[in-house]
Amino acid sequence: MKRVFIIFLLLLIAATCFAQTESFGPEHDSIVKVFQSEEEPDAMDAIWENQALLKIGVFKHSRDYDQYATHACDIIEKNGFLGKTVAIQIVDLKKLAETDEWVILGEAQCR
């Protein structure tokens, strides 16, 4: 039970960090919703830092996050970003909540 409570608190803190972002339009917002949904269970949240950089928040476990970032490229291409240059960064939400640092676990460049 204590572990569930700690995870809940970390999610709450991370959500606060992610919530203070500007919208770059409905196309960008629809991508965020994909990574916030059950469709992508590894992702907890996502934000656009700018129109060409998407940060996806996860809780780190044993996984190849560069591969997950490449998977994210496939998702955004299927959702209206085909042919657009977008950088993907997978960030550790636990570290963000604990230290307020954006620790990058994996990256990909979508084209």
C-alpha atoms as a PDB file:
ATOM      1  CA  MET A   1       0.000   0.000   0.000  1.00  0.00           C
ATOM      2  CA  LYS A   2       2.844   2.363   0.836  1.00  0.00           C
ATOM      3  CA  ARG A   3       4.388   1.747  -2.584  1.00  0.00           C
ATOM      4  CA  VAL A   4       1.111   2.616  -4.336  1.00  0.00           C
ATOM      5  CA  PHE A   5       0.907   5.840  -2.341  1.00  0.00           C
ATOM      6  CA  ILE A   6       4.486   6.792  -3.268  1.00  0.00           C
ATOM      7  CA  ILE A   7       3.812   6.123  -6.948  1.00  0.00           C
ATOM      8  CA  PHE A   8       0.653   8.234  -6.710  1.00  0.00           C
ATOM      9  CA  LEU A   9       2.620  11.127  -5.192  1.00  0.00           C
ATOM     10  CA  LEU A  10       5.308  10.886  -7.864  1.00  0.00           C
ATOM     11  CA  LEU A  11       2.652  10.932 -10.575  1.00  0.00           C
ATOM     12  CA  LEU A  12       1.050  13.964  -8.984  1.00  0.00           C
ATOM     13  CA  ILE A  13       4.352  15.852  -8.891  1.00  0.00           C
ATOM     14  CA  ALA A  14       5.247  14.836 -12.440  1.00  0.00           C
ATOM     15  CA  ALA A  15       1.798  15.797 -13.700  1.00  0.00           C
ATOM     16  CA  THR A  16       2.304  19.253 -12.237  1.00  0.00           C
ATOM     17  CA  CYS A  17       5.584  19.609 -14.121  1.00  0.00           C
ATOM     18  CA  PHE A  18       4.006  18.453 -17.369  1.00  0.00           C
ATOM     19  CA  ALA A  19       0.783  20.448 -16.928  1.00  0.00           C
ATOM     20  CA  GLN A  20       2.389  23.848 -17.322  1.00  0.00           C
ATOM     21  CA  THR A  21       2.913  23.735 -21.080  1.00  0.00           C
ATOM     22  CA  GLU A  22       1.546  25.671 -23.979  1.00  0.00           C
ATOM     23  CA  SER A  23      -0.443  24.153 -26.801  1.00  0.00           C
ATOM     24  CA  PHE A  24       1.013  24.129 -30.291  1.00  0.00           C
ATOM     25  CA  GLY A  25      -2.358  23.314 -31.815  1.00  0.00           C
ATOM     26  CA  PRO A  26      -4.780  20.410 -32.140  1.00  0.00           C
ATOM     27  CA  GLU A  27      -2.393  18.225 -34.152  1.00  0.00           C
ATOM     28  CA  HIS A  28       0.221  18.388 -31.389  1.00  0.00           C
ATOM     29  CA  ASP A  29      -2.414  17.999 -28.658  1.00  0.00           C
ATOM     30  CA  SER A  30      -3.734  14.807 -30.265  1.00  0.00           C
ATOM     31  CA  ILE A  31      -0.262  13.237 -30.022  1.00  0.00           C
ATOM     32  CA  VAL A  32      -0.062  14.090 -26.313  1.00  0.00           C
ATOM     33  CA  LYS A  33      -3.427  12.395 -25.769  1.00  0.00           C
ATOM     34  CA  VAL A  34      -2.137   9.189 -27.381  1.00  0.00           C
ATOM     35  CA  PHE A  35       0.737   9.005 -24.879  1.00  0.00           C
ATOM     36  CA  GLN A  36      -1.563   9.835 -21.968  1.00  0.00           C
ATOM     37  CA  SER A  37      -3.971   7.043 -22.893  1.00  0.00           C
ATOM     38  CA  GLU A  38      -4.053   3.314 -22.213  1.00  0.00           C
ATOM     39  CA  GLU A  39      -3.003   2.884 -25.841  1.00  0.00           C
ATOM     40  CA  GLU A  40       0.588   3.476 -24.679  1.00  0.00           C
ATOM     41  CA  PRO A  41       0.841   1.888 -21.210  1.00  0.00           C
ATOM     42  CA  ASP A  42       4.589   2.576 -20.811  1.00  0.00           C
ATOM     43  CA  ALA A  43       4.072   6.323 -21.200  1.00  0.00           C
ATOM     44  CA  MET A  44       2.661   8.268 -18.281  1.00  0.00           C
ATOM     45  CA  ASP A  45       2.551  11.666 -19.964  1.00  0.00           C
ATOM     46  CA  ALA A  46       3.984  13.684 -22.835  1.00  0.00           C
ATOM     47  CA  ILE A  47       4.665  17.338 -23.597  1.00  0.00           C
ATOM     48  CA  TRP A  48       5.863  19.315 -26.565  1.00  0.00           C
ATOM     49  CA  GLU A  49       8.836  21.442 -25.508  1.00  0.00           C
ATOM     50  CA  ASN A  50       8.548  23.164 -28.854  1.00  0.00           C
ATOM     51  CA  GLN A  51       6.927  22.274 -32.173  1.00  0.00           C
ATOM     52  CA  ALA A  52       9.711  19.829 -33.032  1.00  0.00           C
ATOM     53  CA  LEU A  53      10.575  18.218 -29.648  1.00  0.00           C
ATOM     54  CA  LEU A  54       8.270  15.770 -27.875  1.00  0.00           C
ATOM     55  CA  LYS A  55       9.186  14.608 -24.367  1.00  0.00           C
ATOM     56  CA  ILE A  56       7.522  11.408 -23.160  1.00  0.00           C
ATOM     57  CA  GLY A  57       7.565  10.672 -19.439  1.00  0.00           C
ATOM     58  CA  VAL A  58       7.976   7.092 -18.191  1.00  0.00           C
ATOM     59  CA  PHE A  59       8.857   5.303 -14.984  1.00  0.00           C
ATOM     60  CA  LYS A  60      12.189   3.627 -15.703  1.00  0.00           C
ATOM     61  CA  HIS A  61      12.361  -0.149 -15.816  1.00  0.00           C
ATOM     62  CA  SER A  62      14.403  -2.594 -17.883  1.00  0.00           C
ATOM     63  CA  ARG A  63      13.654  -1.539 -21.441  1.00  0.00           C
ATOM     64  CA  ASP A  64      15.501  -0.151 -24.447  1.00  0.00           C
ATOM     65  CA  TYR A  65      14.267   3.435 -24.428  1.00  0.00           C
ATOM     66  CA  ASP A  66      15.961   4.369 -27.710  1.00  0.00           C
ATOM     67  CA  GLN A  67      13.808   1.645 -29.251  1.00  0.00           C
ATOM     68  CA  TYR A  68      10.729   3.037 -27.486  1.00  0.00           C
ATOM     69  CA  ALA A  69      11.538   6.506 -28.863  1.00  0.00           C
ATOM     70  CA  THR A  70      11.687   4.996 -32.365  1.00  0.00           C
ATOM     71  CA  HIS A  71       8.310   3.371 -31.668  1.00  0.00           C
ATOM     72  CA  ALA A  72       7.015   6.830 -30.690  1.00  0.00           C
ATOM     73  CA  CYS A  73       8.165   8.117 -34.100  1.00  0.00           C
ATOM     74  CA  ASP A  74       5.987   5.473 -35.753  1.00  0.00           C
ATOM     75  CA  ILE A  75       3.024   6.593 -33.659  1.00  0.00           C
ATOM     76  CA  ILE A  76       3.378  10.282 -34.431  1.00  0.00           C
ATOM     77  CA  GLU A  77       3.865   9.562 -38.144  1.00  0.00           C
ATOM     78  CA  LYS A  78       0.585   7.609 -38.163  1.00  0.00           C
ATOM     79  CA  ASN A  79      -1.115  10.551 -36.454  1.00  0.00           C
ATOM     80  CA  GLY A  80      -0.344  13.346 -38.884  1.00  0.00           C
ATOM     81  CA  PHE A  81       3.400  13.971 -38.588  1.00  0.00           C
ATOM     82  CA  LEU A  82       4.568  11.932 -41.584  1.00  0.00           C
ATOM     83  CA  GLY A  83       7.512  13.669 -43.242  1.00  0.00           C
ATOM     84  CA  LYS A  84       7.982  16.168 -40.423  1.00  0.00           C
ATOM     85  CA  THR A  85      11.217  16.349 -38.461  1.00  0.00           C
ATOM     86  CA  VAL A  86      10.512  15.712 -34.789  1.00  0.00           C
ATOM     87  CA  ALA A  87      12.895  14.785 -31.974  1.00  0.00           C
ATOM     88  CA  ILE A  88      11.648  12.376 -29.300  1.00  0.00           C
ATOM     89  CA  GLN A  89      13.099  12.239 -25.797  1.00  0.00           C
ATOM     90  CA  ILE A  90      12.045   9.635 -23.265  1.00  0.00           C
ATOM     91  CA  VAL A  91      12.450  11.082 -19.764  1.00  0.00           C
ATOM     92  CA  ASP A  92      12.505   9.505 -16.315  1.00  0.00           C
ATOM     93  CA  LEU A  93       9.507  10.818 -14.349  1.00  0.00           C
ATOM     94  CA  LYS A  94      10.824   9.580 -11.019  1.00  0.00           C
ATOM     95  CA  LYS A  95      14.048  11.576 -11.425  1.00  0.00           C
ATOM     96  CA  LEU A  96      12.067  14.587 -12.598  1.00  0.00           C
ATOM     97  CA  ALA A  97       9.872  14.438  -9.501  1.00  0.00           C
ATOM     98  CA  GLU A  98      12.793  13.865  -7.121  1.00  0.00           C
ATOM     99  CA  THR A  99      15.420  16.222  -8.531  1.00  0.00           C
ATOM    100  CA  ASP A 100      13.572  18.492 -10.985  1.00  0.00           C
ATOM    101  CA  GLU A 101      16.037  17.302 -13.668  1.00  0.00           C
ATOM    102  CA  TRP A 102      15.054  16.020 -17.109  1.00  0.00           C
ATOM    103  CA  VAL A 103      17.010  12.734 -17.255  1.00  0.00           C
ATOM    104  CA  ILE A 104      16.856  11.377 -20.803  1.00  0.00           C
ATOM    105  CA  LEU A 105      16.556   7.588 -21.049  1.00  0.00           C
ATOM    106  CA  GLY A 106      16.270   7.350 -24.820  1.00  0.00           C
ATOM    107  CA  GLU A 107      16.069   9.471 -27.962  1.00  0.00           C
ATOM    108  CA  ALA A 108      15.110   9.261 -31.608  1.00  0.00           C
ATOM    109  CA  GLN A 109      14.910  11.595 -34.559  1.00  0.00           C
ATOM    110  CA  CYS A 110      11.734  11.194 -36.630  1.00  0.00           C
ATOM    111  CA  ARG A 111      11.765  12.223 -40.289  1.00  0.00           C
END
